[in-house]
Amino acid sequence: MDEEDWRRAVAGDGEAFGLIFDRHRVRIRRHAHALVPVPADGDDVVAATFLEAWRKRDRVRFVDGSILPWLLRTATNLSHNVSRSTRRYRVLLARLPADVTVPDHAENDFGDGPATRSLRTLSIEHQHVVVLCVLEGLPADEAARVLGVRAGTVRSRLSRAKSLMRQRLSPPRFRLEGVSDEL
């Protein structure tokens, strides 16, 4: 059955390749998961196995009309490559000095500046208006349509939200006793 589907796939029938993939992917996945150190690597091996099958489509061998043995052998080889790579990576990491730490830039909180923190303190209605009108640049009438309110309501909420954010973002003003504001 695989040989006929494979001939059709090589001739350009994508559905035939899909039939082969659907027929054997679960078995290849189970096989790969048993051989690799991390389950996610098993899914990569499955994808790479079928990619290799397509890449080497003229050299694929069938046993009793089935492509499964060839796929299993290819998945085994790819799994060994992944395991070997993982082992080498771990050995390299083990050689690094233990006290050297490199900050992970992905953990930086770049978006949480004072303005973002101030925005989060607003009511949800005010947040929606600020996001639509200020961050997304929608005019008040379009924001009103999105929110299902009147344009005047959007303008009012936006004014109030800006005022609240301005208060929260402005440094507190201290008044010294005995000092006059007059010049």
N, C-alpha and C. Protein backbone atom coordinates (compact mmCIF):
# COMPACT_ATOMS: atom_id res chain seq x y z
N MET A 1 0.83 -1.20 0.00
CA MET A 1 0.00 0.00 0.00
C MET A 1 0.88 1.26 0.00
N ASP A 2 1.97 1.28 0.78
CA ASP A 2 2.84 2.45 0.84
C ASP A 2 3.52 2.73 -0.49
N GLU A 3 3.92 1.66 -1.20
CA GLU A 3 4.63 1.86 -2.47
C GLU A 3 3.78 2.61 -3.48
N GLU A 4 2.51 2.25 -3.57
CA GLU A 4 1.62 2.93 -4.52
C GLU A 4 1.41 4.39 -4.09
N ASP A 5 1.16 4.61 -2.80
CA ASP A 5 0.99 5.98 -2.30
C ASP A 5 2.26 6.79 -2.52
N TRP A 6 3.40 6.15 -2.33
CA TRP A 6 4.68 6.85 -2.51
C TRP A 6 4.88 7.25 -3.97
N ARG A 7 4.56 6.33 -4.90
CA ARG A 7 4.67 6.67 -6.33
C ARG A 7 3.80 7.88 -6.67
N ARG A 8 2.59 7.88 -6.13
CA ARG A 8 1.69 9.01 -6.38
C ARG A 8 2.24 10.29 -5.74
N ALA A 9 2.81 10.18 -4.54
CA ALA A 9 3.36 11.36 -3.86
C ALA A 9 4.52 11.93 -4.66
N VAL A 10 5.42 11.07 -5.12
CA VAL A 10 6.58 11.53 -5.90
C VAL A 10 6.11 12.16 -7.21
N ALA A 11 4.99 11.71 -7.72
CA ALA A 11 4.44 12.28 -8.96
C ALA A 11 3.72 13.61 -8.71
N GLY A 12 3.63 14.02 -7.43
CA GLY A 12 3.05 15.33 -7.15
C GLY A 12 1.74 15.30 -6.39
N ASP A 13 1.30 14.15 -5.98
CA ASP A 13 0.05 14.03 -5.25
C ASP A 13 0.31 14.24 -3.75
N GLY A 14 0.03 15.43 -3.27
CA GLY A 14 0.27 15.77 -1.87
C GLY A 14 -0.57 14.96 -0.91
N GLU A 15 -1.77 14.60 -1.35
CA GLU A 15 -2.65 13.80 -0.49
C GLU A 15 -2.06 12.42 -0.25
N ALA A 16 -1.37 11.88 -1.23
CA ALA A 16 -0.75 10.56 -1.08
C ALA A 16 0.35 10.62 -0.03
N PHE A 17 1.13 11.69 -0.04
CA PHE A 17 2.17 11.85 0.99
C PHE A 17 1.50 12.02 2.35
N GLY A 18 0.41 12.74 2.39
CA GLY A 18 -0.34 12.91 3.63
C GLY A 18 -0.86 11.58 4.17
N LEU A 19 -1.28 10.70 3.29
CA LEU A 19 -1.74 9.37 3.71
C LEU A 19 -0.62 8.59 4.38
N ILE A 20 0.57 8.65 3.77
CA ILE A 20 1.72 7.95 4.36
C ILE A 20 2.07 8.56 5.70
N PHE A 21 2.06 9.89 5.77
CA PHE A 21 2.37 10.56 7.03
C PHE A 21 1.36 10.14 8.10
N ASP A 22 0.08 10.21 7.79
CA ASP A 22 -0.96 9.85 8.76
C ASP A 22 -0.86 8.38 9.18
N ARG A 23 -0.49 7.54 8.26
CA ARG A 23 -0.41 6.11 8.54
C ARG A 23 0.72 5.78 9.52
N HIS A 24 1.83 6.53 9.45
CA HIS A 24 3.02 6.13 10.20
C HIS A 24 3.50 7.11 11.26
N ARG A 25 2.94 8.29 11.34
CA ARG A 25 3.47 9.31 12.24
C ARG A 25 3.40 8.91 13.71
N VAL A 26 2.33 8.27 14.12
CA VAL A 26 2.19 7.88 15.54
C VAL A 26 3.28 6.88 15.91
N ARG A 27 3.52 5.91 15.03
CA ARG A 27 4.55 4.90 15.30
C ARG A 27 5.93 5.54 15.33
N ILE A 28 6.21 6.44 14.40
CA ILE A 28 7.51 7.12 14.36
C ILE A 28 7.67 8.00 15.60
N ARG A 29 6.61 8.65 16.00
CA ARG A 29 6.66 9.52 17.19
C ARG A 29 6.95 8.70 18.45
N ARG A 30 6.27 7.60 18.60
CA ARG A 30 6.49 6.74 19.77
C ARG A 30 7.94 6.23 19.78
N HIS A 31 8.43 5.85 18.62
CA HIS A 31 9.80 5.36 18.48
C HIS A 31 10.81 6.46 18.83
N ALA A 32 10.60 7.65 18.29
CA ALA A 32 11.52 8.76 18.54
C ALA A 32 11.50 9.19 20.00
N HIS A 33 10.34 9.24 20.59
CA HIS A 33 10.23 9.65 22.00
C HIS A 33 10.98 8.70 22.92
N ALA A 34 11.07 7.45 22.52
CA ALA A 34 11.79 6.48 23.34
C ALA A 34 13.30 6.66 23.23
N LEU A 35 13.77 7.36 22.20
CA LEU A 35 15.21 7.46 21.96
C LEU A 35 15.83 8.81 22.30
N VAL A 36 15.03 9.84 22.44
CA VAL A 36 15.59 11.17 22.67
C VAL A 36 15.45 11.58 24.14
N PRO A 37 16.34 12.48 24.60
CA PRO A 37 16.30 12.87 26.02
C PRO A 37 15.13 13.76 26.42
N VAL A 38 14.60 14.53 25.50
CA VAL A 38 13.52 15.47 25.80
C VAL A 38 12.35 15.18 24.86
N PRO A 39 11.12 15.07 25.39
CA PRO A 39 9.97 14.74 24.53
C PRO A 39 9.80 15.69 23.33
N ALA A 40 10.07 16.95 23.53
CA ALA A 40 9.91 17.90 22.41
C ALA A 40 10.85 17.55 21.25
N ASP A 41 12.01 16.98 21.58
CA ASP A 41 12.94 16.57 20.53
C ASP A 41 12.34 15.45 19.69
N GLY A 42 11.50 14.63 20.28
CA GLY A 42 10.86 13.54 19.55
C GLY A 42 9.98 14.07 18.44
N ASP A 43 9.26 15.15 18.71
CA ASP A 43 8.41 15.75 17.68
C ASP A 43 9.27 16.31 16.54
N ASP A 44 10.41 16.87 16.90
CA ASP A 44 11.33 17.37 15.86
C ASP A 44 11.86 16.23 15.01
N VAL A 45 12.15 15.10 15.64
CA VAL A 45 12.64 13.94 14.91
C VAL A 45 11.58 13.44 13.93
N VAL A 46 10.33 13.42 14.34
CA VAL A 46 9.25 12.99 13.43
C VAL A 46 9.22 13.89 12.20
N ALA A 47 9.25 15.19 12.43
CA ALA A 47 9.22 16.12 11.30
C ALA A 47 10.43 15.93 10.40
N ALA A 48 11.61 15.80 11.00
CA ALA A 48 12.83 15.62 10.23
C ALA A 48 12.83 14.29 9.47
N THR A 49 12.22 13.26 10.04
CA THR A 49 12.15 11.96 9.38
C THR A 49 11.37 12.06 8.07
N PHE A 50 10.23 12.70 8.13
CA PHE A 50 9.43 12.82 6.91
C PHE A 50 10.06 13.80 5.93
N LEU A 51 10.76 14.79 6.44
CA LEU A 51 11.50 15.69 5.55
C LEU A 51 12.60 14.92 4.82
N GLU A 52 13.32 14.07 5.55
CA GLU A 52 14.36 13.25 4.93
C GLU A 52 13.76 12.29 3.90
N ALA A 53 12.60 11.75 4.21
CA ALA A 53 11.95 10.85 3.26
C ALA A 53 11.68 11.59 1.96
N TRP A 54 11.21 12.80 2.07
CA TRP A 54 10.92 13.56 0.86
C TRP A 54 12.20 13.99 0.16
N ARG A 55 13.18 14.40 0.95
CA ARG A 55 14.46 14.83 0.38
C ARG A 55 15.14 13.68 -0.38
N LYS A 56 15.03 12.49 0.15
CA LYS A 56 15.67 11.32 -0.46
C LYS A 56 14.63 10.41 -1.12
N ARG A 57 13.62 11.00 -1.68
CA ARG A 57 12.48 10.23 -2.20
C ARG A 57 12.86 9.23 -3.28
N ASP A 58 13.96 9.46 -3.98
CA ASP A 58 14.37 8.52 -5.03
C ASP A 58 15.12 7.32 -4.46
N ARG A 59 15.57 7.41 -3.19
CA ARG A 59 16.37 6.34 -2.59
C ARG A 59 15.65 5.61 -1.46
N VAL A 60 14.39 5.94 -1.23
CA VAL A 60 13.62 5.29 -0.17
C VAL A 60 13.44 3.82 -0.52
N ARG A 61 13.61 2.95 0.49
CA ARG A 61 13.45 1.51 0.27
C ARG A 61 12.20 1.02 0.97
N PHE A 62 11.57 0.05 0.35
CA PHE A 62 10.36 -0.54 0.89
C PHE A 62 10.63 -1.99 1.27
N VAL A 63 10.04 -2.43 2.34
CA VAL A 63 10.12 -3.83 2.76
C VAL A 63 8.70 -4.38 2.76
N ASP A 64 8.50 -5.34 1.92
CA ASP A 64 7.16 -5.92 1.75
C ASP A 64 6.11 -4.85 1.48
N GLY A 65 6.50 -3.87 0.66
CA GLY A 65 5.57 -2.83 0.27
C GLY A 65 5.38 -1.71 1.29
N SER A 66 6.11 -1.76 2.41
CA SER A 66 5.95 -0.75 3.46
C SER A 66 7.19 0.14 3.57
N ILE A 67 6.94 1.42 3.76
CA ILE A 67 8.01 2.38 3.97
C ILE A 67 8.40 2.48 5.45
N LEU A 68 7.62 1.87 6.33
CA LEU A 68 7.83 2.00 7.77
C LEU A 68 9.24 1.61 8.21
N PRO A 69 9.81 0.51 7.76
CA PRO A 69 11.18 0.20 8.20
C PRO A 69 12.19 1.29 7.85
N TRP A 70 12.06 1.86 6.67
CA TRP A 70 12.97 2.94 6.27
C TRP A 70 12.76 4.15 7.18
N LEU A 71 11.50 4.48 7.48
CA LEU A 71 11.20 5.61 8.35
C LEU A 71 11.74 5.37 9.76
N LEU A 72 11.59 4.16 10.28
CA LEU A 72 12.09 3.84 11.62
C LEU A 72 13.61 3.96 11.67
N ARG A 73 14.28 3.46 10.65
CA ARG A 73 15.74 3.55 10.60
C ARG A 73 16.18 5.01 10.55
N THR A 74 15.52 5.81 9.75
CA THR A 74 15.85 7.22 9.64
C THR A 74 15.58 7.93 10.96
N ALA A 75 14.46 7.63 11.60
CA ALA A 75 14.14 8.24 12.90
C ALA A 75 15.17 7.84 13.95
N THR A 76 15.64 6.59 13.89
CA THR A 76 16.67 6.13 14.83
C THR A 76 17.94 6.95 14.64
N ASN A 77 18.38 7.10 13.41
CA ASN A 77 19.61 7.86 13.13
C ASN A 77 19.46 9.32 13.57
N LEU A 78 18.33 9.91 13.26
CA LEU A 78 18.11 11.31 13.66
C LEU A 78 18.04 11.44 15.18
N SER A 79 17.43 10.47 15.85
CA SER A 79 17.35 10.50 17.32
C SER A 79 18.73 10.40 17.93
N HIS A 80 19.58 9.55 17.35
CA HIS A 80 20.95 9.44 17.85
C HIS A 80 21.70 10.76 17.67
N ASN A 81 21.47 11.42 16.55
CA ASN A 81 22.11 12.72 16.32
C ASN A 81 21.66 13.74 17.36
N VAL A 82 20.37 13.76 17.66
CA VAL A 82 19.83 14.69 18.65
C VAL A 82 20.40 14.37 20.03
N SER A 83 20.43 13.10 20.39
CA SER A 83 20.96 12.70 21.70
C SER A 83 22.44 13.05 21.82
N ARG A 84 23.20 12.78 20.78
CA ARG A 84 24.63 13.11 20.77
C ARG A 84 24.83 14.62 20.92
N SER A 85 24.04 15.38 20.21
CA SER A 85 24.14 16.84 20.30
C SER A 85 23.80 17.34 21.70
N THR A 86 22.77 16.77 22.29
CA THR A 86 22.37 17.15 23.65
C THR A 86 23.47 16.80 24.64
N ARG A 87 24.05 15.61 24.50
CA ARG A 87 25.13 15.17 25.39
C ARG A 87 26.33 16.12 25.28
N ARG A 88 26.70 16.50 24.06
CA ARG A 88 27.83 17.42 23.86
C ARG A 88 27.54 18.78 24.49
N TYR A 89 26.32 19.23 24.35
CA TYR A 89 25.92 20.51 24.92
C TYR A 89 26.02 20.47 26.44
N ARG A 90 25.56 19.38 27.03
CA ARG A 90 25.63 19.26 28.50
C ARG A 90 27.08 19.20 28.98
N VAL A 91 27.94 18.50 28.25
CA VAL A 91 29.36 18.44 28.61
C VAL A 91 29.97 19.84 28.54
N LEU A 92 29.63 20.57 27.52
CA LEU A 92 30.13 21.94 27.39
C LEU A 92 29.65 22.80 28.55
N LEU A 93 28.39 22.70 28.91
CA LEU A 93 27.86 23.47 30.02
C LEU A 93 28.53 23.09 31.33
N ALA A 94 28.85 21.82 31.49
CA ALA A 94 29.49 21.37 32.73
C ALA A 94 30.90 21.95 32.87
N ARG A 95 31.54 22.28 31.76
CA ARG A 95 32.89 22.86 31.80
C ARG A 95 32.90 24.33 32.19
N LEU A 96 31.77 24.99 32.07
CA LEU A 96 31.70 26.41 32.41
C LEU A 96 31.83 26.59 33.91
N PRO A 97 32.48 27.66 34.33
CA PRO A 97 32.56 27.92 35.77
C PRO A 97 31.17 28.08 36.36
N ALA A 98 30.97 27.51 37.53
CA ALA A 98 29.65 27.50 38.14
C ALA A 98 29.19 28.89 38.58
N ASP A 99 30.12 29.77 38.94
CA ASP A 99 29.71 31.06 39.48
C ASP A 99 29.44 32.10 38.40
N VAL A 100 29.66 31.77 37.15
CA VAL A 100 29.40 32.72 36.08
C VAL A 100 27.92 32.66 35.73
N THR A 101 27.24 33.77 35.92
CA THR A 101 25.83 33.84 35.54
C THR A 101 25.66 34.93 34.50
N VAL A 102 24.91 34.60 33.52
CA VAL A 102 24.62 35.55 32.46
C VAL A 102 23.13 35.88 32.55
N PRO A 103 22.80 37.16 32.68
CA PRO A 103 21.37 37.49 32.79
C PRO A 103 20.63 37.11 31.51
N ASP A 104 19.44 36.62 31.71
CA ASP A 104 18.59 36.25 30.58
C ASP A 104 17.80 37.48 30.16
N HIS A 105 18.12 37.98 28.98
CA HIS A 105 17.47 39.21 28.51
C HIS A 105 15.99 39.00 28.24
N ALA A 106 15.59 37.75 28.04
CA ALA A 106 14.17 37.48 27.81
C ALA A 106 13.35 37.72 29.06
N GLU A 107 14.00 37.71 30.22
CA GLU A 107 13.28 37.93 31.47
C GLU A 107 13.17 39.41 31.84
N ASN A 108 13.87 40.26 31.09
CA ASN A 108 13.75 41.69 31.38
C ASN A 108 12.32 42.15 31.13
N ASP A 109 11.90 43.06 31.93
CA ASP A 109 10.53 43.55 31.83
C ASP A 109 10.56 44.90 31.12
N PHE A 110 10.85 44.88 29.82
CA PHE A 110 11.02 46.10 29.07
C PHE A 110 9.75 46.94 29.00
N GLY A 111 8.58 46.29 28.97
CA GLY A 111 7.35 47.02 28.77
C GLY A 111 6.73 47.58 30.03
N ASP A 112 7.26 47.24 31.18
CA ASP A 112 6.63 47.68 32.42
C ASP A 112 7.29 48.93 32.98
N GLY A 113 7.22 49.99 32.24
CA GLY A 113 7.71 51.25 32.74
C GLY A 113 6.63 51.93 33.56
N PRO A 114 6.90 53.13 34.02
CA PRO A 114 5.91 53.82 34.84
C PRO A 114 4.58 54.05 34.11
N ALA A 115 4.62 54.31 32.82
CA ALA A 115 3.38 54.55 32.09
C ALA A 115 2.53 53.28 32.03
N THR A 116 3.16 52.14 31.79
CA THR A 116 2.42 50.88 31.74
C THR A 116 1.83 50.54 33.10
N ARG A 117 2.62 50.73 34.14
CA ARG A 117 2.10 50.47 35.48
C ARG A 117 0.94 51.40 35.81
N SER A 118 1.04 52.65 35.39
CA SER A 118 -0.03 53.61 35.63
C SER A 118 -1.29 53.23 34.85
N LEU A 119 -1.11 52.77 33.62
CA LEU A 119 -2.25 52.35 32.80
C LEU A 119 -2.99 51.20 33.47
N ARG A 120 -2.26 50.28 34.08
CA ARG A 120 -2.89 49.12 34.72
C ARG A 120 -3.71 49.49 35.94
N THR A 121 -3.46 50.65 36.52
CA THR A 121 -4.22 51.06 37.70
C THR A 121 -5.58 51.65 37.33
N LEU A 122 -5.78 51.95 36.06
CA LEU A 122 -7.05 52.54 35.61
C LEU A 122 -8.13 51.46 35.55
N SER A 123 -9.38 51.91 35.55
CA SER A 123 -10.49 50.97 35.36
C SER A 123 -10.39 50.38 33.96
N ILE A 124 -11.04 49.25 33.76
CA ILE A 124 -10.98 48.58 32.48
C ILE A 124 -11.54 49.45 31.35
N GLU A 125 -12.58 50.25 31.64
CA GLU A 125 -13.15 51.13 30.62
C GLU A 125 -12.14 52.19 30.20
N HIS A 126 -11.42 52.74 31.19
CA HIS A 126 -10.42 53.76 30.87
C HIS A 126 -9.23 53.13 30.14
N GLN A 127 -8.86 51.92 30.51
CA GLN A 127 -7.76 51.24 29.83
C GLN A 127 -8.10 51.02 28.35
N HIS A 128 -9.32 50.57 28.09
CA HIS A 128 -9.73 50.33 26.70
C HIS A 128 -9.62 51.61 25.87
N VAL A 129 -10.07 52.70 26.43
CA VAL A 129 -10.05 53.97 25.69
C VAL A 129 -8.61 54.40 25.42
N VAL A 130 -7.74 54.30 26.41
CA VAL A 130 -6.33 54.71 26.24
C VAL A 130 -5.67 53.82 25.19
N VAL A 131 -5.89 52.53 25.27
CA VAL A 131 -5.27 51.62 24.31
C VAL A 131 -5.75 51.92 22.89
N LEU A 132 -7.05 52.08 22.72
CA LEU A 132 -7.58 52.31 21.37
C LEU A 132 -7.19 53.68 20.82
N CYS A 133 -7.33 54.71 21.64
CA CYS A 133 -7.11 56.07 21.13
C CYS A 133 -5.65 56.49 21.14
N VAL A 134 -4.93 56.16 22.19
CA VAL A 134 -3.55 56.63 22.31
C VAL A 134 -2.58 55.64 21.68
N LEU A 135 -2.66 54.39 22.09
CA LEU A 135 -1.69 53.41 21.60
C LEU A 135 -1.98 52.97 20.17
N GLU A 136 -3.25 52.74 19.85
CA GLU A 136 -3.61 52.30 18.51
C GLU A 136 -3.91 53.46 17.56
N GLY A 137 -4.11 54.64 18.08
CA GLY A 137 -4.31 55.82 17.25
C GLY A 137 -5.68 55.94 16.59
N LEU A 138 -6.69 55.27 17.14
CA LEU A 138 -8.03 55.38 16.56
C LEU A 138 -8.66 56.71 16.95
N PRO A 139 -9.40 57.33 16.04
CA PRO A 139 -10.17 58.53 16.40
C PRO A 139 -11.29 58.13 17.37
N ALA A 140 -11.80 59.09 18.10
CA ALA A 140 -12.82 58.84 19.13
C ALA A 140 -14.06 58.16 18.55
N ASP A 141 -14.48 58.55 17.34
CA ASP A 141 -15.69 57.94 16.79
C ASP A 141 -15.49 56.46 16.44
N GLU A 142 -14.29 56.09 15.97
CA GLU A 142 -14.02 54.68 15.69
C GLU A 142 -13.91 53.87 16.97
N ALA A 143 -13.23 54.45 17.97
CA ALA A 143 -13.12 53.78 19.26
C ALA A 143 -14.51 53.58 19.87
N ALA A 144 -15.38 54.55 19.68
CA ALA A 144 -16.74 54.45 20.19
C ALA A 144 -17.48 53.28 19.54
N ARG A 145 -17.30 53.11 18.23
CA ARG A 145 -17.94 51.98 17.55
C ARG A 145 -17.40 50.65 18.08
N VAL A 146 -16.09 50.58 18.29
CA VAL A 146 -15.49 49.34 18.80
C VAL A 146 -16.02 49.02 20.19
N LEU A 147 -16.13 50.04 21.03
CA LEU A 147 -16.55 49.83 22.41
C LEU A 147 -18.06 49.80 22.60
N GLY A 148 -18.80 50.22 21.58
CA GLY A 148 -20.25 50.22 21.68
C GLY A 148 -20.79 51.34 22.56
N VAL A 149 -20.09 52.48 22.58
CA VAL A 149 -20.53 53.65 23.36
C VAL A 149 -20.53 54.86 22.44
N ARG A 150 -20.95 55.99 22.96
CA ARG A 150 -20.95 57.22 22.16
C ARG A 150 -19.56 57.84 22.12
N ALA A 151 -19.31 58.63 21.08
CA ALA A 151 -18.01 59.29 20.93
C ALA A 151 -17.74 60.24 22.09
N GLY A 152 -18.77 60.89 22.60
CA GLY A 152 -18.60 61.78 23.74
C GLY A 152 -18.14 61.02 24.98
N THR A 153 -18.64 59.81 25.15
CA THR A 153 -18.22 58.97 26.28
C THR A 153 -16.74 58.63 26.15
N VAL A 154 -16.31 58.32 24.93
CA VAL A 154 -14.90 58.01 24.70
C VAL A 154 -14.04 59.22 25.04
N ARG A 155 -14.44 60.40 24.56
CA ARG A 155 -13.66 61.61 24.84
C ARG A 155 -13.59 61.89 26.34
N SER A 156 -14.71 61.72 27.01
CA SER A 156 -14.76 61.95 28.46
C SER A 156 -13.86 60.97 29.20
N ARG A 157 -13.96 59.69 28.84
CA ARG A 157 -13.12 58.68 29.50
C ARG A 157 -11.64 58.92 29.21
N LEU A 158 -11.35 59.32 27.99
CA LEU A 158 -9.96 59.57 27.62
C LEU A 158 -9.39 60.74 28.41
N SER A 159 -10.18 61.79 28.54
CA SER A 159 -9.74 62.95 29.31
C SER A 159 -9.48 62.57 30.76
N ARG A 160 -10.42 61.82 31.33
CA ARG A 160 -10.28 61.39 32.72
C ARG A 160 -9.08 60.46 32.90
N ALA A 161 -8.89 59.55 31.97
CA ALA A 161 -7.77 58.61 32.05
C ALA A 161 -6.44 59.34 31.96
N LYS A 162 -6.34 60.31 31.04
CA LYS A 162 -5.09 61.07 30.92
C LYS A 162 -4.81 61.86 32.19
N SER A 163 -5.85 62.42 32.76
CA SER A 163 -5.70 63.18 33.99
C SER A 163 -5.19 62.28 35.12
N LEU A 164 -5.80 61.11 35.27
CA LEU A 164 -5.39 60.17 36.32
C LEU A 164 -3.95 59.70 36.10
N MET A 165 -3.62 59.39 34.87
CA MET A 165 -2.26 58.92 34.59
C MET A 165 -1.24 60.03 34.84
N ARG A 166 -1.59 61.26 34.45
CA ARG A 166 -0.70 62.40 34.67
C ARG A 166 -0.42 62.56 36.17
N GLN A 167 -1.49 62.44 36.98
CA GLN A 167 -1.32 62.56 38.43
C GLN A 167 -0.40 61.47 38.96
N ARG A 168 -0.58 60.27 38.47
CA ARG A 168 0.20 59.14 38.98
C ARG A 168 1.64 59.16 38.47
N LEU A 169 1.86 59.77 37.32
CA LEU A 169 3.20 59.81 36.76
C LEU A 169 4.00 61.02 37.22
N SER A 170 3.32 62.09 37.62
CA SER A 170 4.02 63.30 38.05
C SER A 170 4.61 63.10 39.43
N PRO A 171 5.84 63.58 39.64
CA PRO A 171 6.42 63.45 40.97
C PRO A 171 5.63 64.33 41.96
N PRO A 172 5.54 63.89 43.20
CA PRO A 172 4.78 64.68 44.18
C PRO A 172 5.45 66.04 44.40
N ARG A 173 4.63 67.04 44.58
CA ARG A 173 5.16 68.40 44.81
C ARG A 173 5.13 68.66 46.31
N PHE A 174 6.25 69.02 46.82
CA PHE A 174 6.36 69.32 48.25
C PHE A 174 6.30 70.82 48.46
N ARG A 175 5.61 71.20 49.46
CA ARG A 175 5.51 72.61 49.84
C ARG A 175 6.30 72.82 51.10
N LEU A 176 7.22 73.69 51.04
CA LEU A 176 8.00 74.01 52.22
C LEU A 176 7.25 75.11 53.01
N GLU A 177 7.16 74.91 54.28
CA GLU A 177 6.47 75.88 55.10
C GLU A 177 7.29 77.16 55.16
N GLY A 178 6.60 78.25 55.10
CA GLY A 178 7.24 79.55 55.19
C GLY A 178 7.78 80.06 53.89
N VAL A 179 7.63 79.27 52.81
CA VAL A 179 8.12 79.69 51.50
C VAL A 179 6.90 80.03 50.65
N SER A 180 6.91 81.19 50.05
CA SER A 180 5.80 81.67 49.25
C SER A 180 6.06 81.33 47.78
N ASP A 181 4.97 81.09 47.04
CA ASP A 181 5.06 80.86 45.61
C ASP A 181 5.18 82.16 44.84
N GLU A 182 4.95 83.27 45.50
CA GLU A 182 4.99 84.55 44.81
C GLU A 182 6.43 85.01 44.67
N LEU A 183 6.70 85.68 43.59
CA LEU A 183 8.03 86.24 43.35
C LEU A 183 8.11 87.66 43.72
